[in-house]
Amino acid sequence: MSFSQPNLPRQDIVVRTTYLIDTGVDPFRILVYLAHQDIMGVLRNRGILAS
């Protein structure tokens, strides 16, 4: 994922995730998205999200 603020350069954020995808339909559907990290915490630590 990439995030940016008007006064900061764009930053790529890499987090470990797991997806559960239904491949029995067309187009495929994402049923579950599970982040293995606190994404909001990562954004706060990088100054992208207000604390």
PDB file of N, CA and C in Angstrom:
ATOM      1  N   MET A   1       0.841  -1.162   0.000  1.00  0.00           N
ATOM      2  CA  MET A   1       0.000   0.000   0.000  1.00  0.00           C
ATOM      3  C   MET A   1       0.890   1.230   0.000  1.00  0.00           C
ATOM      4  N   SER A   2       0.390   2.279  -0.582  1.00  0.00           N
ATOM      5  CA  SER A   2       1.108   3.554  -0.589  1.00  0.00           C
ATOM      6  C   SER A   2       0.222   4.618   0.035  1.00  0.00           C
ATOM      7  N   PHE A   3       0.829   5.473   0.825  1.00  0.00           N
ATOM      8  CA  PHE A   3       0.108   6.550   1.493  1.00  0.00           C
ATOM      9  C   PHE A   3       0.889   7.831   1.314  1.00  0.00           C
ATOM     10  N   SER A   4       0.167   8.944   1.295  1.00  0.00           N
ATOM     11  CA  SER A   4       0.845  10.233   1.200  1.00  0.00           C
ATOM     12  C   SER A   4       0.028  11.307   1.884  1.00  0.00           C
ATOM     13  N   GLN A   5       0.713  12.323   2.320  1.00  0.00           N
ATOM     14  CA  GLN A   5       0.127  13.529   2.883  1.00  0.00           C
ATOM     15  C   GLN A   5       0.655  14.680   2.030  1.00  0.00           C
ATOM     16  N   PRO A   6      -0.064  15.778   1.938  1.00  0.00           N
ATOM     17  CA  PRO A   6       0.397  16.882   1.103  1.00  0.00           C
ATOM     18  C   PRO A   6       1.794  17.387   1.464  1.00  0.00           C
ATOM     19  N   ASN A   7       2.158  17.364   2.750  1.00  0.00           N
ATOM     20  CA  ASN A   7       3.445  17.903   3.177  1.00  0.00           C
ATOM     21  C   ASN A   7       4.525  16.832   3.365  1.00  0.00           C
ATOM     22  N   LEU A   8       4.235  15.567   3.034  1.00  0.00           N
ATOM     23  CA  LEU A   8       5.193  14.475   3.201  1.00  0.00           C
ATOM     24  C   LEU A   8       5.346  13.717   1.890  1.00  0.00           C
ATOM     25  N   PRO A   9       6.519  13.123   1.668  1.00  0.00           N
ATOM     26  CA  PRO A   9       6.671  12.290   0.469  1.00  0.00           C
ATOM     27  C   PRO A   9       5.842  11.014   0.584  1.00  0.00           C
ATOM     28  N   ARG A  10       5.491  10.452  -0.562  1.00  0.00           N
ATOM     29  CA  ARG A  10       4.741   9.186  -0.579  1.00  0.00           C
ATOM     30  C   ARG A  10       5.560   8.089   0.084  1.00  0.00           C
ATOM     31  N   GLN A  11       4.905   7.234   0.862  1.00  0.00           N
ATOM     32  CA  GLN A  11       5.581   6.143   1.553  1.00  0.00           C
ATOM     33  C   GLN A  11       4.891   4.827   1.220  1.00  0.00           C
ATOM     34  N   ASP A  12       5.688   3.825   0.898  1.00  0.00           N
ATOM     35  CA  ASP A  12       5.154   2.480   0.721  1.00  0.00           C
ATOM     36  C   ASP A  12       5.118   1.805   2.079  1.00  0.00           C
ATOM     37  N   ILE A  13       3.995   1.198   2.398  1.00  0.00           N
ATOM     38  CA  ILE A  13       3.812   0.490   3.668  1.00  0.00           C
ATOM     39  C   ILE A  13       3.633  -0.989   3.352  1.00  0.00           C
ATOM     40  N   VAL A  14       4.502  -1.820   3.900  1.00  0.00           N
ATOM     41  CA  VAL A  14       4.437  -3.267   3.677  1.00  0.00           C
ATOM     42  C   VAL A  14       4.018  -3.928   4.986  1.00  0.00           C
ATOM     43  N   VAL A  15       2.916  -4.663   4.945  1.00  0.00           N
ATOM     44  CA  VAL A  15       2.441  -5.395   6.120  1.00  0.00           C
ATOM     45  C   VAL A  15       2.099  -6.824   5.712  1.00  0.00           C
ATOM     46  N   ARG A  16       2.259  -7.743   6.647  1.00  0.00           N
ATOM     47  CA  ARG A  16       1.899  -9.137   6.386  1.00  0.00           C
ATOM     48  C   ARG A  16       0.387  -9.266   6.472  1.00  0.00           C
ATOM     49  N   THR A  17      -0.204  -9.923   5.482  1.00  0.00           N
ATOM     50  CA  THR A  17      -1.652 -10.092   5.439  1.00  0.00           C
ATOM     51  C   THR A  17      -2.013 -11.485   4.946  1.00  0.00           C
ATOM     52  N   THR A  18      -3.223 -11.885   5.284  1.00  0.00           N
ATOM     53  CA  THR A  18      -3.780 -13.142   4.789  1.00  0.00           C
ATOM     54  C   THR A  18      -5.139 -12.827   4.172  1.00  0.00           C
ATOM     55  N   TYR A  19      -5.404 -13.424   3.026  1.00  0.00           N
ATOM     56  CA  TYR A  19      -6.681 -13.251   2.336  1.00  0.00           C
ATOM     57  C   TYR A  19      -7.358 -14.613   2.214  1.00  0.00           C
ATOM     58  N   LEU A  20      -8.672 -14.637   2.380  1.00  0.00           N
ATOM     59  CA  LEU A  20      -9.476 -15.810   2.075  1.00  0.00           C
ATOM     60  C   LEU A  20     -10.307 -15.416   0.857  1.00  0.00           C
ATOM     61  N   ILE A  21     -10.085 -16.105  -0.270  1.00  0.00           N
ATOM     62  CA  ILE A  21     -10.683 -15.719  -1.543  1.00  0.00           C
ATOM     63  C   ILE A  21     -11.635 -16.800  -2.033  1.00  0.00           C
ATOM     64  N   ASP A  22     -12.833 -16.386  -2.445  1.00  0.00           N
ATOM     65  CA  ASP A  22     -13.811 -17.286  -3.043  1.00  0.00           C
ATOM     66  C   ASP A  22     -13.519 -17.352  -4.534  1.00  0.00           C
ATOM     67  N   THR A  23     -12.965 -18.487  -4.977  1.00  0.00           N
ATOM     68  CA  THR A  23     -12.622 -18.651  -6.397  1.00  0.00           C
ATOM     69  C   THR A  23     -13.728 -19.372  -7.157  1.00  0.00           C
ATOM     70  N   GLY A  24     -14.855 -19.618  -6.495  1.00  0.00           N
ATOM     71  CA  GLY A  24     -15.960 -20.314  -7.134  1.00  0.00           C
ATOM     72  C   GLY A  24     -16.904 -19.381  -7.875  1.00  0.00           C
ATOM     73  N   VAL A  25     -16.605 -18.104  -7.860  1.00  0.00           N
ATOM     74  CA  VAL A  25     -17.424 -17.117  -8.564  1.00  0.00           C
ATOM     75  C   VAL A  25     -16.528 -16.314  -9.507  1.00  0.00           C
ATOM     76  N   ASP A  26     -17.153 -15.692 -10.495  1.00  0.00           N
ATOM     77  CA  ASP A  26     -16.393 -14.870 -11.429  1.00  0.00           C
ATOM     78  C   ASP A  26     -16.981 -13.472 -11.418  1.00  0.00           C
ATOM     79  N   PRO A  27     -16.305 -12.445 -11.011  1.00  0.00           N
ATOM     80  CA  PRO A  27     -14.901 -12.430 -10.610  1.00  0.00           C
ATOM     81  C   PRO A  27     -14.729 -12.958  -9.185  1.00  0.00           C
ATOM     82  N   PHE A  28     -13.481 -13.328  -8.846  1.00  0.00           N
ATOM     83  CA  PHE A  28     -13.185 -13.809  -7.501  1.00  0.00           C
ATOM     84  C   PHE A  28     -13.595 -12.747  -6.482  1.00  0.00           C
ATOM     85  N   ARG A  29     -13.939 -13.194  -5.270  1.00  0.00           N
ATOM     86  CA  ARG A  29     -14.312 -12.281  -4.194  1.00  0.00           C
ATOM     87  C   ARG A  29     -13.407 -12.481  -2.997  1.00  0.00           C
ATOM     88  N   ILE A  30     -12.986 -11.382  -2.386  1.00  0.00           N
ATOM     89  CA  ILE A  30     -12.236 -11.456  -1.135  1.00  0.00           C
ATOM     90  C   ILE A  30     -13.259 -11.591  -0.011  1.00  0.00           C
ATOM     91  N   LEU A  31     -13.190 -12.691   0.711  1.00  0.00           N
ATOM     92  CA  LEU A  31     -14.115 -12.951   1.814  1.00  0.00           C
ATOM     93  C   LEU A  31     -13.582 -12.420   3.132  1.00  0.00           C
ATOM     94  N   VAL A  32     -12.266 -12.571   3.354  1.00  0.00           N
ATOM     95  CA  VAL A  32     -11.642 -12.131   4.602  1.00  0.00           C
ATOM     96  C   VAL A  32     -10.291 -11.512   4.286  1.00  0.00           C
ATOM     97  N   TYR A  33     -10.023 -10.361   4.894  1.00  0.00           N
ATOM     98  CA  TYR A  33      -8.714  -9.712   4.832  1.00  0.00           C
ATOM     99  C   TYR A  33      -8.237  -9.599   6.265  1.00  0.00           C
ATOM    100  N   LEU A  34      -7.095 -10.203   6.580  1.00  0.00           N
ATOM    101  CA  LEU A  34      -6.578 -10.195   7.947  1.00  0.00           C
ATOM    102  C   LEU A  34      -5.166  -9.630   7.934  1.00  0.00           C
ATOM    103  N   ALA A  35      -4.990  -8.485   8.572  1.00  0.00           N
ATOM    104  CA  ALA A  35      -3.659  -7.879   8.705  1.00  0.00           C
ATOM    105  C   ALA A  35      -3.004  -8.466   9.949  1.00  0.00           C
ATOM    106  N   HIS A  36      -1.742  -8.839   9.837  1.00  0.00           N
ATOM    107  CA  HIS A  36      -1.012  -9.428  10.954  1.00  0.00           C
ATOM    108  C   HIS A  36      -0.273  -8.377  11.767  1.00  0.00           C
ATOM    109  N   GLN A  37      -0.482  -7.110  11.429  1.00  0.00           N
ATOM    110  CA  GLN A  37       0.116  -5.999  12.150  1.00  0.00           C
ATOM    111  C   GLN A  37      -0.971  -4.949  12.380  1.00  0.00           C
ATOM    112  N   ASP A  38      -0.716  -4.043  13.296  1.00  0.00           N
ATOM    113  CA  ASP A  38      -1.614  -2.915  13.537  1.00  0.00           C
ATOM    114  C   ASP A  38      -1.301  -1.850  12.482  1.00  0.00           C
ATOM    115  N   ILE A  39      -2.066  -1.836  11.391  1.00  0.00           N
ATOM    116  CA  ILE A  39      -1.791  -0.926  10.286  1.00  0.00           C
ATOM    117  C   ILE A  39      -1.922   0.525  10.733  1.00  0.00           C
ATOM    118  N   MET A  40      -2.926   0.835  11.519  1.00  0.00           N
ATOM    119  CA  MET A  40      -3.099   2.207  11.995  1.00  0.00           C
ATOM    120  C   MET A  40      -1.908   2.629  12.859  1.00  0.00           C
ATOM    121  N   GLY A  41      -1.381   1.709  13.660  1.00  0.00           N
ATOM    122  CA  GLY A  41      -0.192   2.003  14.471  1.00  0.00           C
ATOM    123  C   GLY A  41       1.020   2.280  13.603  1.00  0.00           C
ATOM    124  N   VAL A  42       1.189   1.508  12.532  1.00  0.00           N
ATOM    125  CA  VAL A  42       2.300   1.733  11.599  1.00  0.00           C
ATOM    126  C   VAL A  42       2.172   3.120  10.969  1.00  0.00           C
ATOM    127  N   LEU A  43       0.960   3.492  10.558  1.00  0.00           N
ATOM    128  CA  LEU A  43       0.745   4.810   9.949  1.00  0.00           C
ATOM    129  C   LEU A  43       1.009   5.930  10.953  1.00  0.00           C
ATOM    130  N   ARG A  44       0.594   5.742  12.214  1.00  0.00           N
ATOM    131  CA  ARG A  44       0.875   6.749  13.240  1.00  0.00           C
ATOM    132  C   ARG A  44       2.375   6.891  13.474  1.00  0.00           C
ATOM    133  N   ASN A  45       3.090   5.763  13.559  1.00  0.00           N
ATOM    134  CA  ASN A  45       4.532   5.799  13.798  1.00  0.00           C
ATOM    135  C   ASN A  45       5.283   6.509  12.688  1.00  0.00           C
ATOM    136  N   ARG A  46       4.768   6.463  11.482  1.00  0.00           N
ATOM    137  CA  ARG A  46       5.424   7.112  10.341  1.00  0.00           C
ATOM    138  C   ARG A  46       4.949   8.542  10.128  1.00  0.00           C
ATOM    139  N   GLY A  47       4.044   9.026  10.971  1.00  0.00           N
ATOM    140  CA  GLY A  47       3.575  10.397  10.865  1.00  0.00           C
ATOM    141  C   GLY A  47       2.543  10.626   9.783  1.00  0.00           C
ATOM    142  N   ILE A  48       1.991   9.554   9.230  1.00  0.00           N
ATOM    143  CA  ILE A  48       0.991   9.668   8.170  1.00  0.00           C
ATOM    144  C   ILE A  48      -0.391   9.883   8.776  1.00  0.00           C
ATOM    145  N   LEU A  49      -0.629   9.281   9.916  1.00  0.00           N
ATOM    146  CA  LEU A  49      -1.919   9.377  10.602  1.00  0.00           C
ATOM    147  C   LEU A  49      -1.704  10.110  11.918  1.00  0.00           C
ATOM    148  N   ALA A  50      -2.588  11.038  12.229  1.00  0.00           N
ATOM    149  CA  ALA A  50      -2.466  11.789  13.476  1.00  0.00           C
ATOM    150  C   ALA A  50      -2.603  10.848  14.674  1.00  0.00           C
ATOM    151  N   SER A  51      -1.835  11.139  15.718  1.00  0.00           N
ATOM    152  CA  SER A  51      -1.899  10.297  16.923  1.00  0.00           C
ATOM    153  C   SER A  51      -2.843  10.812  17.917  1.00  0.00           C
TER     154      SER A  51
END
